[in-house]
Amino acid sequence: MWSKDNQFQPIVDKVVKGKARGDKMHQLMQVLRKLQKPFKYLNGSRFRDIHGQLAISKAKLKEVQKKMHQDPSNSQLQKQEIEERDKYIDILDSLTKLMK
């Protein structure tokens, strides 16, 4: 779930590219220690209130779909509906994975 976030890979790349000293086990421990704070921040900023995010996303999706129902030929609304649906599905998938 966290690895699907667009901030995940840059965080990992930044930490892994840094210099680590010692044997391989010590280097791994240093990398994992350096990843703790950024991952805690990512978790808190993106996944803490996932139920609230899901409710907001669902409301936005319903609103766009309602507008699209009134004007089905509007290509801008069609693109917006696809984006909102993808966001909703992504949040729902994250919530499902978190519950498992």
N, C-alpha and C. Protein backbone atom coordinates (compact mmCIF):
# COMPACT_ATOMS: atom_id res chain seq x y z
N MET A 1 0.83 -1.18 0.00
CA MET A 1 0.00 0.00 0.00
C MET A 1 0.88 1.25 0.00
N TRP A 2 1.86 1.32 0.90
CA TRP A 2 2.72 2.49 0.95
C TRP A 2 3.59 2.57 -0.30
N SER A 3 3.98 1.44 -0.81
CA SER A 3 4.86 1.45 -1.98
C SER A 3 4.17 1.97 -3.23
N LYS A 4 2.84 2.01 -3.24
CA LYS A 4 2.12 2.54 -4.39
C LYS A 4 2.06 4.06 -4.38
N ASP A 5 2.38 4.67 -3.24
CA ASP A 5 2.36 6.13 -3.13
C ASP A 5 3.48 6.73 -3.96
N ASN A 6 3.22 7.88 -4.57
CA ASN A 6 4.22 8.49 -5.45
C ASN A 6 5.42 9.05 -4.68
N GLN A 7 5.33 9.21 -3.38
CA GLN A 7 6.45 9.70 -2.58
C GLN A 7 7.35 8.57 -2.08
N PHE A 8 6.90 7.34 -2.18
CA PHE A 8 7.64 6.21 -1.62
C PHE A 8 9.00 6.03 -2.27
N GLN A 9 9.03 5.92 -3.58
CA GLN A 9 10.28 5.63 -4.29
C GLN A 9 11.32 6.72 -4.12
N PRO A 10 10.95 8.02 -4.23
CA PRO A 10 11.97 9.06 -3.99
C PRO A 10 12.56 9.01 -2.58
N ILE A 11 11.74 8.68 -1.59
CA ILE A 11 12.24 8.56 -0.21
C ILE A 11 13.28 7.45 -0.13
N VAL A 12 12.95 6.30 -0.69
CA VAL A 12 13.87 5.15 -0.66
C VAL A 12 15.14 5.47 -1.44
N ASP A 13 14.99 6.05 -2.63
CA ASP A 13 16.17 6.38 -3.45
C ASP A 13 17.12 7.32 -2.72
N LYS A 14 16.55 8.34 -2.07
CA LYS A 14 17.38 9.32 -1.37
C LYS A 14 18.18 8.67 -0.25
N VAL A 15 17.54 7.80 0.50
CA VAL A 15 18.22 7.15 1.62
C VAL A 15 19.23 6.12 1.14
N VAL A 16 18.88 5.34 0.15
CA VAL A 16 19.77 4.27 -0.34
C VAL A 16 21.00 4.85 -1.02
N LYS A 17 20.87 5.99 -1.69
CA LYS A 17 22.02 6.59 -2.37
C LYS A 17 23.01 7.22 -1.40
N GLY A 18 22.59 7.41 -0.17
CA GLY A 18 23.48 7.98 0.84
C GLY A 18 24.60 7.00 1.19
N LYS A 19 25.65 7.53 1.76
CA LYS A 19 26.80 6.69 2.15
C LYS A 19 26.51 5.96 3.45
N ALA A 20 26.83 4.69 3.47
CA ALA A 20 26.72 3.88 4.67
C ALA A 20 28.06 3.19 4.89
N ARG A 21 28.45 3.08 6.15
CA ARG A 21 29.76 2.50 6.46
C ARG A 21 29.58 1.18 7.20
N GLY A 22 30.63 0.39 7.19
CA GLY A 22 30.62 -0.86 7.92
C GLY A 22 30.30 -2.04 7.03
N ASP A 23 30.05 -3.17 7.66
CA ASP A 23 29.72 -4.38 6.90
C ASP A 23 28.27 -4.28 6.38
N LYS A 24 27.89 -5.25 5.60
CA LYS A 24 26.58 -5.21 4.93
C LYS A 24 25.41 -5.13 5.91
N MET A 25 25.48 -5.87 7.01
CA MET A 25 24.41 -5.85 7.99
C MET A 25 24.30 -4.47 8.64
N HIS A 26 25.44 -3.87 8.94
CA HIS A 26 25.45 -2.55 9.55
C HIS A 26 24.90 -1.50 8.57
N GLN A 27 25.26 -1.62 7.30
CA GLN A 27 24.76 -0.71 6.28
C GLN A 27 23.24 -0.82 6.15
N LEU A 28 22.73 -2.05 6.17
CA LEU A 28 21.29 -2.27 6.10
C LEU A 28 20.58 -1.64 7.30
N MET A 29 21.15 -1.82 8.47
CA MET A 29 20.55 -1.24 9.67
C MET A 29 20.54 0.30 9.60
N GLN A 30 21.59 0.88 9.04
CA GLN A 30 21.64 2.33 8.88
C GLN A 30 20.55 2.81 7.93
N VAL A 31 20.39 2.11 6.82
CA VAL A 31 19.36 2.47 5.84
C VAL A 31 17.97 2.37 6.47
N LEU A 32 17.71 1.28 7.15
CA LEU A 32 16.40 1.10 7.77
C LEU A 32 16.14 2.17 8.84
N ARG A 33 17.14 2.52 9.59
CA ARG A 33 17.00 3.55 10.62
C ARG A 33 16.69 4.91 9.97
N LYS A 34 17.36 5.20 8.85
CA LYS A 34 17.13 6.47 8.15
C LYS A 34 15.76 6.52 7.48
N LEU A 35 15.19 5.36 7.18
CA LEU A 35 13.88 5.32 6.54
C LEU A 35 12.73 5.48 7.54
N GLN A 36 13.00 5.29 8.82
CA GLN A 36 11.94 5.32 9.82
C GLN A 36 11.18 6.64 9.84
N LYS A 37 11.87 7.76 9.97
CA LYS A 37 11.19 9.06 10.07
C LYS A 37 10.42 9.42 8.81
N PRO A 38 11.04 9.30 7.62
CA PRO A 38 10.27 9.64 6.42
C PRO A 38 9.03 8.75 6.24
N PHE A 39 9.14 7.48 6.58
CA PHE A 39 7.98 6.59 6.44
C PHE A 39 6.91 6.89 7.48
N LYS A 40 7.32 7.28 8.68
CA LYS A 40 6.33 7.68 9.68
C LYS A 40 5.58 8.92 9.21
N TYR A 41 6.31 9.86 8.63
CA TYR A 41 5.68 11.07 8.10
C TYR A 41 4.73 10.71 6.95
N LEU A 42 5.18 9.86 6.04
CA LEU A 42 4.33 9.45 4.92
C LEU A 42 3.07 8.76 5.43
N ASN A 43 3.22 7.90 6.39
CA ASN A 43 2.07 7.19 6.95
C ASN A 43 1.11 8.18 7.61
N GLY A 44 1.63 9.12 8.35
CA GLY A 44 0.78 10.09 9.03
C GLY A 44 0.09 11.04 8.09
N SER A 45 0.79 11.46 7.06
CA SER A 45 0.22 12.45 6.15
C SER A 45 -0.73 11.84 5.12
N ARG A 46 -0.51 10.61 4.75
CA ARG A 46 -1.30 10.02 3.67
C ARG A 46 -2.27 8.93 4.11
N PHE A 47 -2.01 8.25 5.21
CA PHE A 47 -2.80 7.07 5.54
C PHE A 47 -3.42 7.11 6.94
N ARG A 48 -3.22 8.18 7.68
CA ARG A 48 -3.73 8.22 9.05
C ARG A 48 -5.26 8.24 9.06
N ASP A 49 -5.88 9.17 8.35
CA ASP A 49 -7.33 9.28 8.33
C ASP A 49 -7.87 8.72 7.02
N ILE A 50 -7.63 7.47 6.79
CA ILE A 50 -7.98 6.87 5.50
C ILE A 50 -9.50 6.76 5.31
N HIS A 51 -10.24 6.60 6.41
CA HIS A 51 -11.70 6.53 6.31
C HIS A 51 -12.26 7.89 5.88
N GLY A 52 -11.70 8.95 6.42
CA GLY A 52 -12.12 10.30 6.02
C GLY A 52 -11.78 10.59 4.58
N GLN A 53 -10.59 10.18 4.17
CA GLN A 53 -10.18 10.36 2.78
C GLN A 53 -11.11 9.60 1.83
N LEU A 54 -11.51 8.41 2.25
CA LEU A 54 -12.40 7.60 1.42
C LEU A 54 -13.76 8.29 1.27
N ALA A 55 -14.27 8.83 2.36
CA ALA A 55 -15.57 9.52 2.32
C ALA A 55 -15.51 10.75 1.42
N ILE A 56 -14.44 11.52 1.53
CA ILE A 56 -14.28 12.72 0.69
C ILE A 56 -14.16 12.33 -0.77
N SER A 57 -13.37 11.31 -1.05
CA SER A 57 -13.18 10.86 -2.42
C SER A 57 -14.49 10.35 -3.03
N LYS A 58 -15.26 9.62 -2.23
CA LYS A 58 -16.54 9.10 -2.71
C LYS A 58 -17.51 10.24 -3.01
N ALA A 59 -17.53 11.27 -2.16
CA ALA A 59 -18.40 12.42 -2.38
C ALA A 59 -18.01 13.17 -3.65
N LYS A 60 -16.70 13.35 -3.87
CA LYS A 60 -16.24 14.02 -5.09
C LYS A 60 -16.63 13.21 -6.33
N LEU A 61 -16.44 11.89 -6.25
CA LEU A 61 -16.78 11.03 -7.38
C LEU A 61 -18.26 11.10 -7.69
N LYS A 62 -19.09 11.06 -6.67
CA LYS A 62 -20.54 11.14 -6.88
C LYS A 62 -20.93 12.47 -7.51
N GLU A 63 -20.30 13.55 -7.06
CA GLU A 63 -20.61 14.88 -7.60
C GLU A 63 -20.24 14.97 -9.09
N VAL A 64 -19.07 14.47 -9.43
CA VAL A 64 -18.64 14.48 -10.83
C VAL A 64 -19.56 13.60 -11.68
N GLN A 65 -19.92 12.43 -11.14
CA GLN A 65 -20.82 11.55 -11.88
C GLN A 65 -22.20 12.18 -12.07
N LYS A 66 -22.65 12.92 -11.08
CA LYS A 66 -23.94 13.62 -11.20
C LYS A 66 -23.87 14.68 -12.30
N LYS A 67 -22.78 15.45 -12.33
CA LYS A 67 -22.59 16.45 -13.38
C LYS A 67 -22.48 15.78 -14.75
N MET A 68 -21.79 14.65 -14.78
CA MET A 68 -21.62 13.93 -16.04
C MET A 68 -22.95 13.36 -16.55
N HIS A 69 -23.80 12.99 -15.63
CA HIS A 69 -25.13 12.48 -16.01
C HIS A 69 -25.95 13.58 -16.68
N GLN A 70 -25.76 14.81 -16.24
CA GLN A 70 -26.47 15.94 -16.84
C GLN A 70 -25.87 16.36 -18.17
N ASP A 71 -24.57 16.15 -18.35
CA ASP A 71 -23.88 16.53 -19.58
C ASP A 71 -22.93 15.41 -20.00
N PRO A 72 -23.47 14.30 -20.57
CA PRO A 72 -22.64 13.13 -20.87
C PRO A 72 -21.59 13.34 -21.97
N SER A 73 -21.73 14.35 -22.78
CA SER A 73 -20.79 14.55 -23.89
C SER A 73 -19.60 15.43 -23.50
N ASN A 74 -19.56 15.91 -22.28
CA ASN A 74 -18.49 16.79 -21.83
C ASN A 74 -17.22 15.96 -21.57
N SER A 75 -16.22 16.15 -22.42
CA SER A 75 -14.99 15.36 -22.31
C SER A 75 -14.18 15.74 -21.06
N GLN A 76 -14.28 16.99 -20.65
CA GLN A 76 -13.58 17.42 -19.45
C GLN A 76 -14.11 16.67 -18.23
N LEU A 77 -15.43 16.53 -18.14
CA LEU A 77 -16.04 15.80 -17.03
C LEU A 77 -15.70 14.31 -17.09
N GLN A 78 -15.59 13.78 -18.30
CA GLN A 78 -15.23 12.37 -18.44
C GLN A 78 -13.82 12.12 -17.90
N LYS A 79 -12.89 13.01 -18.22
CA LYS A 79 -11.52 12.88 -17.72
C LYS A 79 -11.50 13.02 -16.20
N GLN A 80 -12.26 14.00 -15.69
CA GLN A 80 -12.30 14.22 -14.25
C GLN A 80 -12.91 13.02 -13.53
N GLU A 81 -13.92 12.41 -14.15
CA GLU A 81 -14.56 11.24 -13.55
C GLU A 81 -13.58 10.08 -13.47
N ILE A 82 -12.79 9.89 -14.50
CA ILE A 82 -11.79 8.82 -14.51
C ILE A 82 -10.75 9.05 -13.41
N GLU A 83 -10.29 10.30 -13.28
CA GLU A 83 -9.31 10.62 -12.24
C GLU A 83 -9.88 10.39 -10.84
N GLU A 84 -11.10 10.88 -10.61
CA GLU A 84 -11.72 10.72 -9.29
C GLU A 84 -12.00 9.24 -8.98
N ARG A 85 -12.40 8.49 -9.99
CA ARG A 85 -12.66 7.06 -9.79
C ARG A 85 -11.37 6.33 -9.45
N ASP A 86 -10.28 6.67 -10.15
CA ASP A 86 -8.99 6.05 -9.86
C ASP A 86 -8.52 6.37 -8.44
N LYS A 87 -8.71 7.63 -8.01
CA LYS A 87 -8.34 8.01 -6.64
C LYS A 87 -9.17 7.22 -5.64
N TYR A 88 -10.46 7.12 -5.89
CA TYR A 88 -11.35 6.40 -4.97
C TYR A 88 -10.94 4.93 -4.87
N ILE A 89 -10.68 4.31 -6.01
CA ILE A 89 -10.29 2.89 -6.03
C ILE A 89 -8.95 2.70 -5.32
N ASP A 90 -8.02 3.63 -5.51
CA ASP A 90 -6.71 3.54 -4.86
C ASP A 90 -6.85 3.64 -3.34
N ILE A 91 -7.67 4.59 -2.87
CA ILE A 91 -7.87 4.73 -1.42
C ILE A 91 -8.58 3.51 -0.87
N LEU A 92 -9.58 3.01 -1.58
CA LEU A 92 -10.31 1.82 -1.14
C LEU A 92 -9.39 0.61 -1.09
N ASP A 93 -8.51 0.49 -2.06
CA ASP A 93 -7.54 -0.61 -2.08
C ASP A 93 -6.58 -0.50 -0.89
N SER A 94 -6.12 0.72 -0.61
CA SER A 94 -5.24 0.93 0.54
C SER A 94 -5.94 0.57 1.85
N LEU A 95 -7.19 0.97 1.96
CA LEU A 95 -7.95 0.66 3.17
C LEU A 95 -8.13 -0.86 3.34
N THR A 96 -8.42 -1.53 2.25
CA THR A 96 -8.57 -2.99 2.28
C THR A 96 -7.28 -3.66 2.72
N LYS A 97 -6.16 -3.22 2.16
CA LYS A 97 -4.86 -3.78 2.53
C LYS A 97 -4.52 -3.49 3.98
N LEU A 98 -4.86 -2.31 4.43
CA LEU A 98 -4.59 -1.95 5.81
C LEU A 98 -5.40 -2.82 6.77
N MET A 99 -6.64 -3.13 6.42
CA MET A 99 -7.49 -3.95 7.26
C MET A 99 -7.02 -5.40 7.29
N LYS A 100 -6.40 -5.86 6.21
CA LYS A 100 -5.91 -7.24 6.17
C LYS A 100 -4.72 -7.36 7.10
